[in-house]
Amino acid sequence: MAAIVVSALVALGADSPALGGPSRALVVTPGDLAAPDSDALAGASHALVIGERRHEPLVRRHAAALADRGLPVAWRALPHGPGAILLIANQAAAVGLDAGRTVAFVDELARTTWSGAWTPTVAKLEDPAPSVGQHLRSWAPMGAGFVVTLSGTSPAVRAVGHDVAPDEPTEARGPLYGGAPEWIPEAARAHLLAASGCTEIVELDALVLDPAERFGTGRAVELVALPSARLQLPVPRGTCPTCDTAVVTDYCPFCHVRRTDPVDSRGAIA
């Protein structure tokens, strides 16, 4: 089975926790094109680079830099925040699938994961862009802040209590994880649970990241909800004639060449 290394482009602070458990996931600062080092890539036959959608040019550059070092590389720029990128990378690196199926796993996990944040102010939030009215509301002394949704096809900012409904077709999800849920007002908790389709908020140390760069304030709390059901992955449709990994679409995500031969038609559940 082709061994894959998963590289997550996330700016970690000096005090940020490391990914837990045995994993091939690497955490790389988006601007550090020299990373990861050769020791971290030892034994890998393929690489997958994932990062936030707003960092797509940097994700592409990292993928090109790794390809120059001799690895077949795939990349994904996902509609999620940095905490979600960390969790998705860790899941992908630990799932133990063939390189081609790992890319399919990331696609499905990213599609079914909810990510967003609670923030008391949108004064410096850039993406998604708040409305003028929401900027004015940030200056008001009352209110329970805002819920920011990053995942799905329609990222949004909503004042707590407004339009409380799932942001997308509801998936079966586990807990809503957050780094410091005790900072979130009770009204905002209810809004977040409704938006994400979850029933409880659970503290997770791995999400204790500096939120200021992403959400414009250090008082924001990023939250992530992973799917609770096992993922049903696409049926492999062939093998890449160049890098010898399973291909689940018409083209290899690493080499971008058409697969040529049929393989096991049973698919995979992860």
Protein backbone atom coordinates (compact mmCIF):
# COMPACT_ATOMS: atom_id res chain seq x y z
CA MET A 1 0.00 0.00 0.00
CA ALA A 2 1.34 3.42 -0.96
CA ALA A 3 2.40 5.29 2.20
CA ILE A 4 1.16 8.86 2.31
CA VAL A 5 2.20 11.81 4.44
CA VAL A 6 -0.44 14.46 5.15
CA SER A 7 0.77 18.04 5.58
CA ALA A 8 -1.57 20.60 7.20
CA LEU A 9 -0.87 24.27 6.57
CA VAL A 10 -1.73 25.88 9.91
CA ALA A 11 0.02 28.72 11.73
CA LEU A 12 0.57 27.39 15.26
CA GLY A 13 1.66 29.56 18.15
CA ALA A 14 4.47 28.60 20.50
CA ASP A 15 1.97 27.36 23.09
CA SER A 16 -0.34 25.51 20.71
CA PRO A 17 -0.83 21.82 21.49
CA ALA A 18 0.53 19.16 19.16
CA LEU A 19 -1.63 16.64 17.35
CA GLY A 20 -2.24 13.68 19.61
CA GLY A 21 -1.53 10.01 19.04
CA PRO A 22 0.73 8.27 16.53
CA SER A 23 0.29 10.02 13.21
CA ARG A 24 2.01 10.86 9.94
CA ALA A 25 0.29 14.25 9.91
CA LEU A 26 2.68 17.18 9.71
CA VAL A 27 1.83 20.74 10.70
CA VAL A 28 3.52 23.36 8.53
CA THR A 29 3.35 27.15 8.74
CA PRO A 30 1.70 28.36 5.51
CA GLY A 31 4.60 30.67 4.62
CA ASP A 32 7.37 28.11 5.25
CA LEU A 33 7.94 26.65 1.77
CA ALA A 34 11.06 24.77 2.96
CA ALA A 35 9.01 22.53 5.27
CA PRO A 36 8.64 19.67 5.93
CA ASP A 37 12.21 18.44 6.22
CA SER A 38 13.46 15.28 4.57
CA ASP A 39 13.31 13.25 7.80
CA ALA A 40 9.57 13.87 8.07
CA LEU A 41 9.10 12.54 4.53
CA ALA A 42 11.18 9.38 5.04
CA GLY A 43 9.32 6.31 3.81
CA ALA A 44 6.52 8.25 2.15
CA SER A 45 5.62 7.46 -1.45
CA HIS A 46 2.94 10.21 -1.77
CA ALA A 47 2.01 13.48 -0.09
CA LEU A 48 -1.24 15.33 0.46
CA VAL A 49 -1.21 19.04 1.32
CA ILE A 50 -4.33 20.54 2.88
CA GLY A 51 -5.07 24.06 4.03
CA GLU A 52 -7.77 26.69 4.28
CA ARG A 53 -9.50 27.87 1.12
CA ARG A 54 -8.24 31.42 1.74
CA HIS A 55 -4.69 30.02 1.56
CA GLU A 56 -5.15 28.26 -1.80
CA PRO A 57 -2.17 29.98 -3.50
CA LEU A 58 0.08 28.88 -0.62
CA VAL A 59 -1.36 25.35 -0.66
CA ARG A 60 -0.51 25.15 -4.36
CA ARG A 61 3.02 26.43 -3.75
CA HIS A 62 3.63 23.87 -1.01
CA ALA A 63 2.37 21.11 -3.27
CA ALA A 64 4.70 22.25 -6.05
CA ALA A 65 7.64 22.44 -3.64
CA LEU A 66 7.01 18.86 -2.48
CA ALA A 67 6.64 17.67 -6.06
CA ASP A 68 10.05 19.19 -6.84
CA ARG A 69 11.44 16.89 -4.13
CA GLY A 70 10.27 13.82 -6.01
CA LEU A 71 6.91 12.90 -4.43
CA PRO A 72 3.57 12.58 -6.23
CA VAL A 73 1.52 15.30 -4.51
CA ALA A 74 -2.20 16.08 -4.23
CA TRP A 75 -3.61 19.20 -2.58
CA ARG A 76 -6.90 20.42 -1.19
CA ALA A 77 -7.94 23.96 -0.17
CA LEU A 78 -10.90 23.39 2.15
CA PRO A 79 -13.76 25.62 3.37
CA HIS A 80 -12.74 25.24 7.00
CA GLY A 81 -10.83 27.04 9.74
CA PRO A 82 -7.37 26.15 11.07
CA GLY A 83 -8.70 23.93 13.86
CA ALA A 84 -10.75 21.88 11.43
CA ILE A 85 -7.75 21.56 9.11
CA LEU A 86 -5.77 20.10 12.02
CA LEU A 87 -8.45 17.56 12.89
CA ILE A 88 -9.04 16.52 9.27
CA ALA A 89 -5.29 16.07 8.70
CA ASN A 90 -4.94 13.97 11.83
CA GLN A 91 -7.89 11.77 10.85
CA ALA A 92 -6.57 11.34 7.33
CA ALA A 93 -3.05 10.46 8.46
CA ALA A 94 -4.33 7.90 10.97
CA VAL A 95 -6.96 6.18 8.83
CA GLY A 96 -4.46 3.82 7.19
CA LEU A 97 -5.78 3.87 3.63
CA ASP A 98 -4.02 3.74 0.28
CA ALA A 99 -2.84 7.17 -0.89
CA GLY A 100 -5.63 7.54 -3.46
CA ARG A 101 -8.31 6.51 -0.98
CA THR A 102 -6.85 8.93 1.58
CA VAL A 103 -7.60 11.83 -0.76
CA ALA A 104 -11.16 10.52 -1.17
CA PHE A 105 -11.41 10.23 2.62
CA VAL A 106 -10.37 13.87 3.05
CA ASP A 107 -12.89 15.00 0.44
CA GLU A 108 -15.74 13.19 2.19
CA LEU A 109 -14.63 14.16 5.71
CA ALA A 110 -14.35 17.81 4.70
CA ARG A 111 -17.80 17.69 3.08
CA THR A 112 -19.48 16.30 6.20
CA THR A 113 -17.61 18.34 8.84
CA TRP A 114 -19.07 21.56 10.26
CA SER A 115 -16.66 24.29 11.27
CA GLY A 116 -17.07 27.84 12.41
CA ALA A 117 -16.66 30.05 15.44
CA TRP A 118 -18.31 32.20 18.03
CA THR A 119 -16.94 35.73 18.21
CA PRO A 120 -18.00 38.69 20.36
CA THR A 121 -17.13 41.14 17.58
CA VAL A 122 -16.77 41.19 13.80
CA ALA A 123 -14.80 44.44 13.71
CA LYS A 124 -11.73 42.78 12.14
CA LEU A 125 -13.30 39.71 10.55
CA GLU A 126 -12.54 39.57 6.82
CA ASP A 127 -13.79 36.18 5.62
CA PRO A 128 -16.73 35.75 5.52
CA ALA A 129 -17.29 39.49 5.29
CA PRO A 130 -19.76 40.95 7.82
CA SER A 131 -22.45 43.40 6.75
CA VAL A 132 -22.36 47.08 7.67
CA GLY A 133 -25.17 46.44 10.16
CA GLN A 134 -23.18 43.67 11.81
CA HIS A 135 -20.18 45.97 12.13
CA LEU A 136 -22.39 48.54 13.83
CA ARG A 137 -23.86 45.85 16.09
CA SER A 138 -20.33 44.93 17.21
CA TRP A 139 -20.07 48.33 18.90
CA ALA A 140 -23.33 47.88 20.84
CA PRO A 141 -22.93 47.00 24.53
CA MET A 142 -25.68 44.34 24.39
CA GLY A 143 -25.94 41.07 22.52
CA ALA A 144 -24.29 37.66 22.70
CA GLY A 145 -21.96 38.06 19.74
CA PHE A 146 -21.95 36.31 16.37
CA VAL A 147 -21.82 32.81 14.94
CA VAL A 148 -19.50 32.40 11.96
CA THR A 149 -19.98 29.42 9.65
CA LEU A 150 -16.99 28.51 7.46
CA SER A 151 -18.01 25.10 6.12
CA GLY A 152 -20.42 24.27 3.34
CA THR A 153 -21.19 26.20 0.20
CA SER A 154 -22.46 29.38 1.91
CA PRO A 155 -20.11 30.76 4.60
CA ALA A 156 -22.00 33.23 6.76
CA VAL A 157 -21.96 35.56 9.74
CA ARG A 158 -25.10 35.74 11.87
CA ALA A 159 -25.89 37.62 15.06
CA VAL A 160 -26.63 35.18 17.86
CA GLY A 161 -30.34 34.38 17.87
CA HIS A 162 -30.98 35.30 14.23
CA ASP A 163 -31.85 32.62 11.64
CA VAL A 164 -31.14 29.75 14.02
CA ALA A 165 -31.26 26.70 11.76
CA PRO A 166 -28.79 24.15 10.42
CA ASP A 167 -26.44 25.84 7.96
CA GLU A 168 -26.57 22.90 5.55
CA PRO A 169 -28.35 19.55 5.16
CA THR A 170 -27.93 18.02 8.60
CA GLU A 171 -25.35 15.24 8.84
CA ALA A 172 -25.11 12.81 11.74
CA ARG A 173 -22.41 14.48 13.79
CA GLY A 174 -20.78 13.91 17.13
CA PRO A 175 -20.03 16.62 19.71
CA LEU A 176 -19.24 20.19 18.75
CA TYR A 177 -15.59 20.59 19.81
CA GLY A 178 -14.14 23.89 20.97
CA GLY A 179 -10.91 25.01 22.58
CA ALA A 180 -12.44 27.22 25.27
CA PRO A 181 -16.21 26.68 25.34
CA GLU A 182 -16.55 28.32 28.74
CA TRP A 183 -16.10 31.70 27.02
CA ILE A 184 -19.27 31.22 24.94
CA PRO A 185 -22.51 32.80 26.27
CA GLU A 186 -25.45 30.46 26.81
CA ALA A 187 -27.51 32.00 23.99
CA ALA A 188 -24.60 31.54 21.60
CA ARG A 189 -24.24 27.89 22.65
CA ALA A 190 -27.82 27.21 21.61
CA HIS A 191 -27.27 28.96 18.28
CA LEU A 192 -24.07 26.99 17.61
CA LEU A 193 -25.70 23.66 18.38
CA ALA A 194 -28.59 24.44 16.05
CA ALA A 195 -26.28 25.59 13.24
CA SER A 196 -23.98 22.56 13.47
CA GLY A 197 -26.65 19.93 14.12
CA CYS A 198 -24.97 18.83 17.37
CA THR A 199 -26.36 18.26 20.85
CA GLU A 200 -23.41 19.13 23.10
CA ILE A 201 -20.24 21.24 23.18
CA VAL A 202 -17.08 19.50 24.39
CA GLU A 203 -13.72 21.06 25.19
CA LEU A 204 -10.81 19.86 23.04
CA ASP A 205 -7.28 21.07 23.81
CA ALA A 206 -6.12 20.58 20.21
CA LEU A 207 -8.35 23.52 19.23
CA VAL A 208 -6.68 25.95 21.62
CA LEU A 209 -5.21 28.03 18.80
CA ASP A 210 -4.71 31.79 18.57
CA PRO A 211 -7.96 32.88 16.85
CA ALA A 212 -6.96 36.50 16.22
CA GLU A 213 -5.39 35.96 12.77
CA ARG A 214 -8.42 34.03 11.46
CA PHE A 215 -11.32 35.75 13.20
CA GLY A 216 -9.88 39.16 14.05
CA THR A 217 -10.03 38.84 17.83
CA GLY A 218 -8.31 36.72 20.47
CA ARG A 219 -11.66 36.29 22.22
CA ALA A 220 -13.19 34.21 19.42
CA VAL A 221 -13.68 30.45 19.91
CA GLU A 222 -13.28 28.15 16.91
CA LEU A 223 -15.54 25.07 16.87
CA VAL A 224 -15.58 21.87 14.81
CA ALA A 225 -18.06 18.98 14.50
CA LEU A 226 -16.95 15.77 12.80
CA PRO A 227 -19.40 13.25 11.33
CA SER A 228 -20.36 10.50 13.76
CA ALA A 229 -21.03 7.82 11.12
CA ARG A 230 -18.34 5.93 9.25
CA LEU A 231 -17.62 7.48 5.88
CA GLN A 232 -18.69 5.68 2.73
CA LEU A 233 -15.95 6.28 0.17
CA PRO A 234 -16.28 6.02 -3.63
CA VAL A 235 -15.55 2.70 -5.27
CA PRO A 236 -11.98 2.56 -6.64
CA ARG A 237 -12.12 2.69 -10.43
CA GLY A 238 -8.57 1.70 -11.31
CA THR A 239 -4.88 2.14 -10.58
CA CYS A 240 -2.67 5.03 -11.62
CA PRO A 241 -0.20 3.80 -14.26
CA THR A 242 2.38 6.33 -13.03
CA CYS A 243 2.33 6.25 -9.22
CA ASP A 244 0.49 2.95 -8.66
CA THR A 245 -2.17 4.17 -6.23
CA ALA A 246 -5.93 3.53 -6.31
CA VAL A 247 -7.95 6.02 -8.36
CA VAL A 248 -11.59 6.68 -7.44
CA THR A 249 -12.33 9.13 -10.27
CA ASP A 250 -11.28 9.24 -13.91
CA TYR A 251 -7.94 10.84 -13.06
CA CYS A 252 -5.25 10.28 -10.44
CA PRO A 253 -5.28 13.18 -7.89
CA PHE A 254 -1.47 13.01 -7.73
CA CYS A 255 -0.33 12.54 -11.32
CA HIS A 256 -3.47 13.76 -13.13
CA VAL A 257 -3.31 10.89 -15.60
CA ARG A 258 -6.21 8.61 -16.48
CA ARG A 259 -6.42 5.30 -14.63
CA THR A 260 -6.04 2.26 -16.87
CA ASP A 261 -7.05 -0.94 -15.10
CA PRO A 262 -9.92 -2.10 -12.85
CA VAL A 263 -9.32 -2.95 -9.19
CA ASP A 264 -11.41 -4.24 -6.28
CA SER A 265 -14.97 -3.00 -6.87
CA ARG A 266 -16.13 -3.28 -3.26
CA GLY A 267 -15.10 0.24 -2.27
CA ALA A 268 -14.02 1.25 1.20
CA ILE A 269 -15.61 2.28 4.45
CA ALA A 270 -13.49 4.43 6.75
